[in-house]
Amino acid sequence: MLLTIDNTDTRLQYSPGWFVPGSYNTSTGQSGTLSSANGDVSVTFIFPVVATEFHYYAIQRCCGGWYGICFDADCDPNAAVFATIDGVNRTANGDNLPEAMYTRNFGETGIHTVTLKNMADSRFGGNSQITLDSFGGIFHDHGSSYVNPARIVLAANELATLEHQPWRAHLDFTGLNDIDPFVVGYSFGCIKPAYRCFISSQHDTQF
């Protein structure tokens, strides 16, 4: 199931220099939190469960945005190998929605580490601004304890989230202990206008 690690998630390891949390506001009235930075900064995330796919969501910049991203062994600080991401849209005016800037399919399940960093953009005299709305991924059951599916609630921040940004939905495990908030293989539906969404399943939920 595709789930989200929001930019405010405490498991994100930000280097000094990030503005967290900032915010964005679109011309259509949507808003949300956003991390941003200039200069030599990075953020690292270690997946808490196995995953087969990864997504990086951010807002494009008009005047400088060149980033590097690496996974697992390629992030070795002594010999890092970064793929590059072009975050520039010269017509961007700052009121657009976050979008998928980078996607990777790992091909097989595994626990992964990702590092995203800002890099100098030579097209704009070295100026580069990086943003982070969220990381997303397809996470898979890692077979720990049983949880009653009826007690798992999917809470959405707003109607626009569900209609236009389904990746921003998050799991609320209120009252449950020692459970990682990742689940796969379940569908969910929402009751308007409360925006409370419940995972449906015909078999046991494993985490």
Protein backbone atom coordinates (compact mmCIF):
# COMPACT_ATOMS: atom_id res chain seq x y z
CA MET A 1 0.00 0.00 0.00
CA LEU A 2 1.21 3.51 -0.82
CA LEU A 3 1.70 5.46 2.39
CA THR A 4 3.29 8.75 3.35
CA ILE A 5 6.09 10.00 5.57
CA ASP A 6 5.16 13.64 6.04
CA ASN A 7 7.87 16.30 6.17
CA THR A 8 7.18 16.77 9.89
CA ASP A 9 7.71 13.09 10.73
CA THR A 10 10.23 12.82 13.57
CA ARG A 11 11.94 9.86 11.89
CA LEU A 12 13.30 12.16 9.19
CA GLN A 13 16.93 13.04 9.97
CA TYR A 14 17.40 16.64 8.82
CA SER A 15 20.83 18.22 8.68
CA PRO A 16 21.14 21.76 10.11
CA GLY A 17 19.84 24.50 7.83
CA TRP A 18 16.32 23.30 7.03
CA PHE A 19 13.24 25.42 7.69
CA VAL A 20 10.86 22.92 9.32
CA PRO A 21 7.97 23.18 9.22
CA GLY A 22 7.20 25.79 6.66
CA SER A 23 4.01 25.80 4.62
CA TYR A 24 2.59 26.17 1.13
CA ASN A 25 -0.62 27.76 -0.12
CA THR A 26 -1.99 27.18 -3.61
CA SER A 27 -4.05 29.40 -5.86
CA THR A 28 -6.94 26.95 -5.41
CA GLY A 29 -7.00 27.32 -1.63
CA GLN A 30 -5.10 24.19 -0.64
CA SER A 31 -2.36 24.32 1.96
CA GLY A 32 -0.01 22.09 3.87
CA THR A 33 3.34 21.84 5.60
CA LEU A 34 6.58 22.04 3.64
CA SER A 35 10.25 21.83 4.55
CA SER A 36 12.67 23.97 2.55
CA ALA A 37 16.30 25.02 2.53
CA ASN A 38 19.09 26.66 0.59
CA GLY A 39 22.72 25.68 0.68
CA ASP A 40 24.38 22.38 1.51
CA VAL A 41 21.67 20.45 3.38
CA SER A 42 20.38 16.89 3.38
CA VAL A 43 17.70 14.68 4.89
CA THR A 44 17.88 10.94 5.55
CA PHE A 45 15.14 8.42 6.17
CA ILE A 46 15.47 4.75 7.13
CA PHE A 47 12.43 2.74 6.10
CA PRO A 48 10.89 1.11 9.21
CA VAL A 49 9.53 -1.83 7.19
CA VAL A 50 10.24 -3.44 3.84
CA ALA A 51 9.29 -1.56 0.69
CA THR A 52 9.38 -2.06 -3.07
CA GLU A 53 8.77 1.50 -4.24
CA PHE A 54 9.74 5.04 -3.22
CA HIS A 55 8.40 8.51 -4.11
CA TYR A 56 9.67 12.01 -3.32
CA TYR A 57 7.06 14.80 -3.33
CA ALA A 58 8.02 18.47 -3.43
CA ILE A 59 7.24 21.81 -5.03
CA GLN A 60 9.17 22.89 -8.11
CA ARG A 61 11.30 26.04 -7.96
CA CYS A 62 11.58 28.72 -10.64
CA CYS A 63 15.12 29.88 -10.10
CA GLY A 64 17.36 27.05 -9.01
CA GLY A 65 16.70 23.50 -7.91
CA TRP A 66 19.22 20.70 -8.39
CA TYR A 67 19.17 17.75 -6.00
CA GLY A 68 20.93 14.47 -5.38
CA ILE A 69 19.38 11.28 -4.07
CA CYS A 70 20.97 8.00 -3.04
CA PHE A 71 19.90 4.70 -1.54
CA ASP A 72 21.56 2.16 0.72
CA ALA A 73 25.21 1.43 -0.14
CA ASP A 74 25.31 4.33 -2.60
CA CYS A 75 24.98 6.67 0.41
CA ASP A 76 28.36 5.65 1.84
CA PRO A 77 29.81 9.00 2.98
CA ASN A 78 33.23 7.97 1.71
CA ALA A 79 31.99 7.17 -1.80
CA ALA A 80 28.44 8.45 -2.23
CA VAL A 81 26.79 8.00 -5.62
CA PHE A 82 23.86 10.34 -6.20
CA ALA A 83 21.23 10.30 -8.91
CA THR A 84 20.26 13.86 -9.83
CA ILE A 85 16.82 15.47 -9.76
CA ASP A 86 15.94 18.60 -11.71
CA GLY A 87 13.54 20.57 -9.52
CA VAL A 88 13.22 23.61 -11.80
CA ASN A 89 10.08 24.83 -13.51
CA ARG A 90 10.78 28.33 -14.81
CA THR A 91 7.08 29.22 -14.78
CA ALA A 92 6.57 28.15 -11.15
CA ASN A 93 5.32 30.99 -8.98
CA GLY A 94 5.15 29.24 -5.62
CA ASP A 95 1.42 28.54 -5.54
CA ASN A 96 1.46 25.11 -7.15
CA LEU A 97 0.77 21.79 -5.43
CA PRO A 98 3.51 19.35 -4.44
CA GLU A 99 4.15 16.70 -7.06
CA ALA A 100 6.18 13.56 -7.50
CA MET A 101 9.73 14.68 -8.25
CA TYR A 102 11.35 11.26 -8.15
CA THR A 103 10.20 7.64 -8.17
CA ARG A 104 12.16 4.44 -7.79
CA ASN A 105 11.06 0.82 -7.97
CA PHE A 106 13.40 -1.45 -6.03
CA GLY A 107 12.25 -4.62 -7.78
CA GLU A 108 12.18 -6.62 -4.56
CA THR A 109 11.27 -5.99 -0.94
CA GLY A 110 13.89 -4.76 1.49
CA ILE A 111 14.69 -2.31 4.27
CA HIS A 112 16.16 0.76 2.59
CA THR A 113 17.86 4.01 3.52
CA VAL A 114 17.41 7.14 1.41
CA THR A 115 19.32 10.42 1.53
CA LEU A 116 18.19 13.52 -0.34
CA LYS A 117 20.51 16.52 -0.61
CA ASN A 118 20.56 19.98 -2.12
CA MET A 119 23.23 20.64 -4.74
CA ALA A 120 24.51 23.75 -6.50
CA ASP A 121 22.55 24.58 -9.66
CA SER A 122 25.05 25.90 -12.21
CA ARG A 123 22.21 27.21 -14.38
CA PHE A 124 21.43 29.79 -11.71
CA GLY A 125 24.86 30.78 -10.46
CA GLY A 126 24.91 27.94 -7.95
CA ASN A 127 21.62 28.95 -6.33
CA SER A 128 19.39 26.02 -5.43
CA GLN A 129 16.38 25.70 -3.15
CA ILE A 130 15.14 22.30 -2.07
CA THR A 131 11.70 21.48 -0.69
CA LEU A 132 10.18 18.38 0.88
CA ASP A 133 6.47 17.77 1.21
CA SER A 134 6.68 14.04 1.86
CA PHE A 135 8.27 10.73 1.04
CA GLY A 136 5.92 7.99 -0.12
CA GLY A 137 6.39 4.31 -0.60
CA ILE A 138 4.77 0.95 -1.14
CA PHE A 139 5.32 -0.76 2.19
CA HIS A 140 4.76 -4.43 2.94
CA ASP A 141 3.81 -6.61 5.86
CA HIS A 142 6.80 -7.49 8.02
CA GLY A 143 4.91 -10.05 10.08
CA SER A 144 4.92 -8.83 13.65
CA SER A 145 1.91 -8.66 15.98
CA TYR A 146 -1.78 -9.09 15.15
CA VAL A 147 -4.06 -6.07 15.22
CA ASN A 148 -7.84 -6.02 14.92
CA PRO A 149 -8.55 -4.26 11.59
CA ALA A 150 -11.70 -2.70 13.01
CA ARG A 151 -9.58 -0.57 15.33
CA ILE A 152 -7.40 0.92 12.62
CA VAL A 153 -8.56 4.33 11.47
CA LEU A 154 -7.34 6.21 8.44
CA ALA A 155 -7.69 9.94 9.08
CA ALA A 156 -7.47 12.54 6.32
CA ASN A 157 -6.59 16.17 6.90
CA GLU A 158 -9.16 17.65 4.54
CA LEU A 159 -11.46 16.83 1.65
CA ALA A 160 -9.00 18.20 -0.89
CA THR A 161 -6.40 15.79 0.48
CA LEU A 162 -8.50 12.79 -0.43
CA GLU A 163 -9.62 14.10 -3.80
CA HIS A 164 -6.34 15.53 -5.06
CA GLN A 165 -3.55 14.26 -2.80
CA PRO A 166 -4.41 10.73 -1.62
CA TRP A 167 -0.78 10.09 -0.67
CA ARG A 168 -1.14 12.58 2.20
CA ALA A 169 -3.59 10.43 4.13
CA HIS A 170 -2.09 9.05 7.31
CA LEU A 171 -2.82 6.29 9.79
CA ASP A 172 -4.03 7.02 13.30
CA PHE A 173 -3.14 4.26 15.77
CA THR A 174 -4.61 5.92 18.86
CA GLY A 175 -4.65 3.48 21.76
CA LEU A 176 -2.40 0.94 20.08
CA ASN A 177 1.10 0.36 21.40
CA ASP A 178 4.30 -0.60 19.60
CA ILE A 179 2.75 -0.62 16.15
CA ASP A 180 4.50 0.88 13.14
CA PRO A 181 1.96 2.90 11.11
CA PHE A 182 2.31 0.99 7.86
CA VAL A 183 -0.19 -1.42 6.36
CA VAL A 184 -0.72 -2.94 2.93
CA GLY A 185 -3.35 -4.86 1.07
CA TYR A 186 -6.40 -3.05 2.40
CA SER A 187 -8.87 -0.69 0.80
CA PHE A 188 -10.49 2.24 2.54
CA GLY A 189 -13.55 4.43 2.17
CA CYS A 190 -14.50 7.77 3.66
CA ILE A 191 -17.64 9.24 5.15
CA LYS A 192 -18.19 12.90 4.27
CA PRO A 193 -18.06 15.45 5.76
CA ALA A 194 -16.26 13.94 8.75
CA TYR A 195 -13.37 12.67 6.58
CA ARG A 196 -12.92 9.62 8.79
CA CYS A 197 -11.78 6.65 6.74
CA PHE A 198 -11.72 3.02 7.74
CA ILE A 199 -9.57 0.24 6.36
CA SER A 200 -11.63 -2.73 5.21
CA SER A 201 -10.37 -6.30 5.16
CA GLN A 202 -11.64 -9.85 5.11
CA HIS A 203 -8.60 -11.29 6.78
CA ASP A 204 -6.28 -10.57 9.68
CA THR A 205 -4.05 -7.51 9.62
CA GLN A 206 -0.35 -8.15 10.19
CA PHE A 207 2.33 -5.55 10.83
